[in-house]
Amino acid sequence: MLDELFAVIRDRQRELPEGSYTAQLLNEGIGRIAQKVIEEAGETAIAAVQGNQEHLPKEVADLLYHTLVLLAASGVTPQSVYDELRERRA
């Protein structure tokens, strides 16, 4: 699922379709994207601390999405993250 979402993000990065939230974020730059990652991380943490099991998955989804946009904007693939996790597991 993450790889599929990343592929869509990369398509938006190449095409920059008008009206696309992803294209808008990419146009605003890494600073804005990083700001969104921080914002979503905070909202995720708050939902977890509050024990809000209904809201937590939505916040995690937002965090993962914005993190993938940050990776795309930085020229990094999810595979490099998977590789890093695999190395840490070894």
C-alpha atoms as a PDB file:
ATOM      1  CA  MET A   1       0.000   0.000   0.000  1.00  0.00           C
ATOM      2  CA  LEU A   2       2.782   2.478   0.847  1.00  0.00           C
ATOM      3  CA  ASP A   3       4.542   1.747  -2.424  1.00  0.00           C
ATOM      4  CA  GLU A   4       1.295   2.309  -4.338  1.00  0.00           C
ATOM      5  CA  LEU A   5       0.744   5.623  -2.576  1.00  0.00           C
ATOM      6  CA  PHE A   6       4.354   6.638  -3.244  1.00  0.00           C
ATOM      7  CA  ALA A   7       3.860   5.858  -6.951  1.00  0.00           C
ATOM      8  CA  VAL A   8       0.838   8.186  -7.029  1.00  0.00           C
ATOM      9  CA  ILE A   9       2.857  10.883  -5.251  1.00  0.00           C
ATOM     10  CA  ARG A  10       5.665  10.515  -7.809  1.00  0.00           C
ATOM     11  CA  ASP A  11       3.110  10.824 -10.627  1.00  0.00           C
ATOM     12  CA  ARG A  12       1.823  14.049  -9.078  1.00  0.00           C
ATOM     13  CA  GLN A  13       5.419  15.237  -8.745  1.00  0.00           C
ATOM     14  CA  ARG A  14       6.044  14.694 -12.462  1.00  0.00           C
ATOM     15  CA  GLU A  15       2.716  16.001 -13.732  1.00  0.00           C
ATOM     16  CA  LEU A  16       1.896  18.682 -11.122  1.00  0.00           C
ATOM     17  CA  PRO A  17      -1.824  18.581 -11.949  1.00  0.00           C
ATOM     18  CA  GLU A  18      -3.814  21.682 -11.120  1.00  0.00           C
ATOM     19  CA  GLY A  19      -5.971  21.243  -8.026  1.00  0.00           C
ATOM     20  CA  SER A  20      -3.838  18.420  -6.603  1.00  0.00           C
ATOM     21  CA  TYR A  21      -3.025  18.810  -2.908  1.00  0.00           C
ATOM     22  CA  THR A  22       0.127  16.747  -3.415  1.00  0.00           C
ATOM     23  CA  ALA A  23       1.285  18.977  -6.275  1.00  0.00           C
ATOM     24  CA  GLN A  24       0.570  22.044  -4.141  1.00  0.00           C
ATOM     25  CA  LEU A  25       2.678  20.669  -1.281  1.00  0.00           C
ATOM     26  CA  LEU A  26       5.524  19.819  -3.634  1.00  0.00           C
ATOM     27  CA  ASN A  27       5.409  23.319  -5.114  1.00  0.00           C
ATOM     28  CA  GLU A  28       5.560  24.846  -1.628  1.00  0.00           C
ATOM     29  CA  GLY A  29       8.844  23.044  -0.972  1.00  0.00           C
ATOM     30  CA  ILE A  30      10.510  20.831   1.582  1.00  0.00           C
ATOM     31  CA  GLY A  31      10.151  23.355   4.404  1.00  0.00           C
ATOM     32  CA  ARG A  32       6.360  23.353   4.117  1.00  0.00           C
ATOM     33  CA  ILE A  33       6.225  19.583   3.707  1.00  0.00           C
ATOM     34  CA  ALA A  34       8.412  19.131   6.796  1.00  0.00           C
ATOM     35  CA  GLN A  35       6.103  21.461   8.701  1.00  0.00           C
ATOM     36  CA  LYS A  36       3.146  19.240   7.756  1.00  0.00           C
ATOM     37  CA  VAL A  37       5.031  16.121   8.907  1.00  0.00           C
ATOM     38  CA  ILE A  38       5.661  17.761  12.291  1.00  0.00           C
ATOM     39  CA  GLU A  39       2.021  18.850  12.537  1.00  0.00           C
ATOM     40  CA  GLU A  40       0.727  15.375  11.706  1.00  0.00           C
ATOM     41  CA  ALA A  41       3.184  13.732  14.118  1.00  0.00           C
ATOM     42  CA  GLY A  42       1.843  15.943  16.894  1.00  0.00           C
ATOM     43  CA  GLU A  43      -1.757  15.122  16.027  1.00  0.00           C
ATOM     44  CA  THR A  44      -0.875  11.422  15.936  1.00  0.00           C
ATOM     45  CA  ALA A  45       0.737  11.609  19.371  1.00  0.00           C
ATOM     46  CA  ILE A  46      -2.238  13.482  20.824  1.00  0.00           C
ATOM     47  CA  ALA A  47      -4.700  10.922  19.450  1.00  0.00           C
ATOM     48  CA  ALA A  48      -2.606   8.114  20.967  1.00  0.00           C
ATOM     49  CA  VAL A  49      -2.276   9.790  24.372  1.00  0.00           C
ATOM     50  CA  GLN A  50      -6.013  10.444  24.425  1.00  0.00           C
ATOM     51  CA  GLY A  51      -6.653   6.788  23.604  1.00  0.00           C
ATOM     52  CA  ASN A  52      -8.740   7.812  20.609  1.00  0.00           C
ATOM     53  CA  GLN A  53      -8.753   4.536  18.699  1.00  0.00           C
ATOM     54  CA  GLU A  54     -11.130   5.896  16.071  1.00  0.00           C
ATOM     55  CA  HIS A  55      -9.063   8.984  15.277  1.00  0.00           C
ATOM     56  CA  LEU A  56      -5.565   7.478  15.630  1.00  0.00           C
ATOM     57  CA  PRO A  57      -5.573   5.500  12.346  1.00  0.00           C
ATOM     58  CA  LYS A  58      -6.639   8.637  10.465  1.00  0.00           C
ATOM     59  CA  GLU A  59      -3.786  10.642  11.971  1.00  0.00           C
ATOM     60  CA  VAL A  60      -1.269   7.876  11.256  1.00  0.00           C
ATOM     61  CA  ALA A  61      -2.500   7.781   7.644  1.00  0.00           C
ATOM     62  CA  ASP A  62      -1.974  11.556   7.387  1.00  0.00           C
ATOM     63  CA  LEU A  63       1.501  11.211   8.906  1.00  0.00           C
ATOM     64  CA  LEU A  64       2.496   8.419   6.530  1.00  0.00           C
ATOM     65  CA  TYR A  65       1.177  10.333   3.513  1.00  0.00           C
ATOM     66  CA  HIS A  66       3.048  13.525   4.386  1.00  0.00           C
ATOM     67  CA  THR A  67       6.202  11.529   5.176  1.00  0.00           C
ATOM     68  CA  LEU A  68       6.025   9.916   1.731  1.00  0.00           C
ATOM     69  CA  VAL A  69       5.621  13.345   0.129  1.00  0.00           C
ATOM     70  CA  LEU A  70       8.706  14.472   2.071  1.00  0.00           C
ATOM     71  CA  LEU A  71      10.648  11.453   0.798  1.00  0.00           C
ATOM     72  CA  ALA A  72       9.621  12.175  -2.803  1.00  0.00           C
ATOM     73  CA  ALA A  73      10.572  15.838  -2.486  1.00  0.00           C
ATOM     74  CA  SER A  74      13.933  14.778  -1.056  1.00  0.00           C
ATOM     75  CA  GLY A  75      14.644  12.235  -3.795  1.00  0.00           C
ATOM     76  CA  VAL A  76      14.505   9.305  -1.378  1.00  0.00           C
ATOM     77  CA  THR A  77      12.478   6.149  -1.989  1.00  0.00           C
ATOM     78  CA  PRO A  78      10.556   4.049   0.520  1.00  0.00           C
ATOM     79  CA  GLN A  79      12.858   1.176  -0.455  1.00  0.00           C
ATOM     80  CA  SER A  80      15.773   2.973   1.191  1.00  0.00           C
ATOM     81  CA  VAL A  81      13.701   3.206   4.373  1.00  0.00           C
ATOM     82  CA  TYR A  82      12.823  -0.496   4.134  1.00  0.00           C
ATOM     83  CA  ASP A  83      16.521  -1.287   3.672  1.00  0.00           C
ATOM     84  CA  GLU A  84      17.418   0.762   6.748  1.00  0.00           C
ATOM     85  CA  LEU A  85      14.769  -1.012   8.820  1.00  0.00           C
ATOM     86  CA  ARG A  86      16.004  -4.387   7.572  1.00  0.00           C
ATOM     87  CA  GLU A  87      19.581  -3.501   8.606  1.00  0.00           C
ATOM     88  CA  ARG A  88      18.427  -2.447  12.060  1.00  0.00           C
ATOM     89  CA  ARG A  89      16.542  -5.694  12.487  1.00  0.00           C
ATOM     90  CA  ALA A  90      19.629  -7.788  11.697  1.00  0.00           C
END
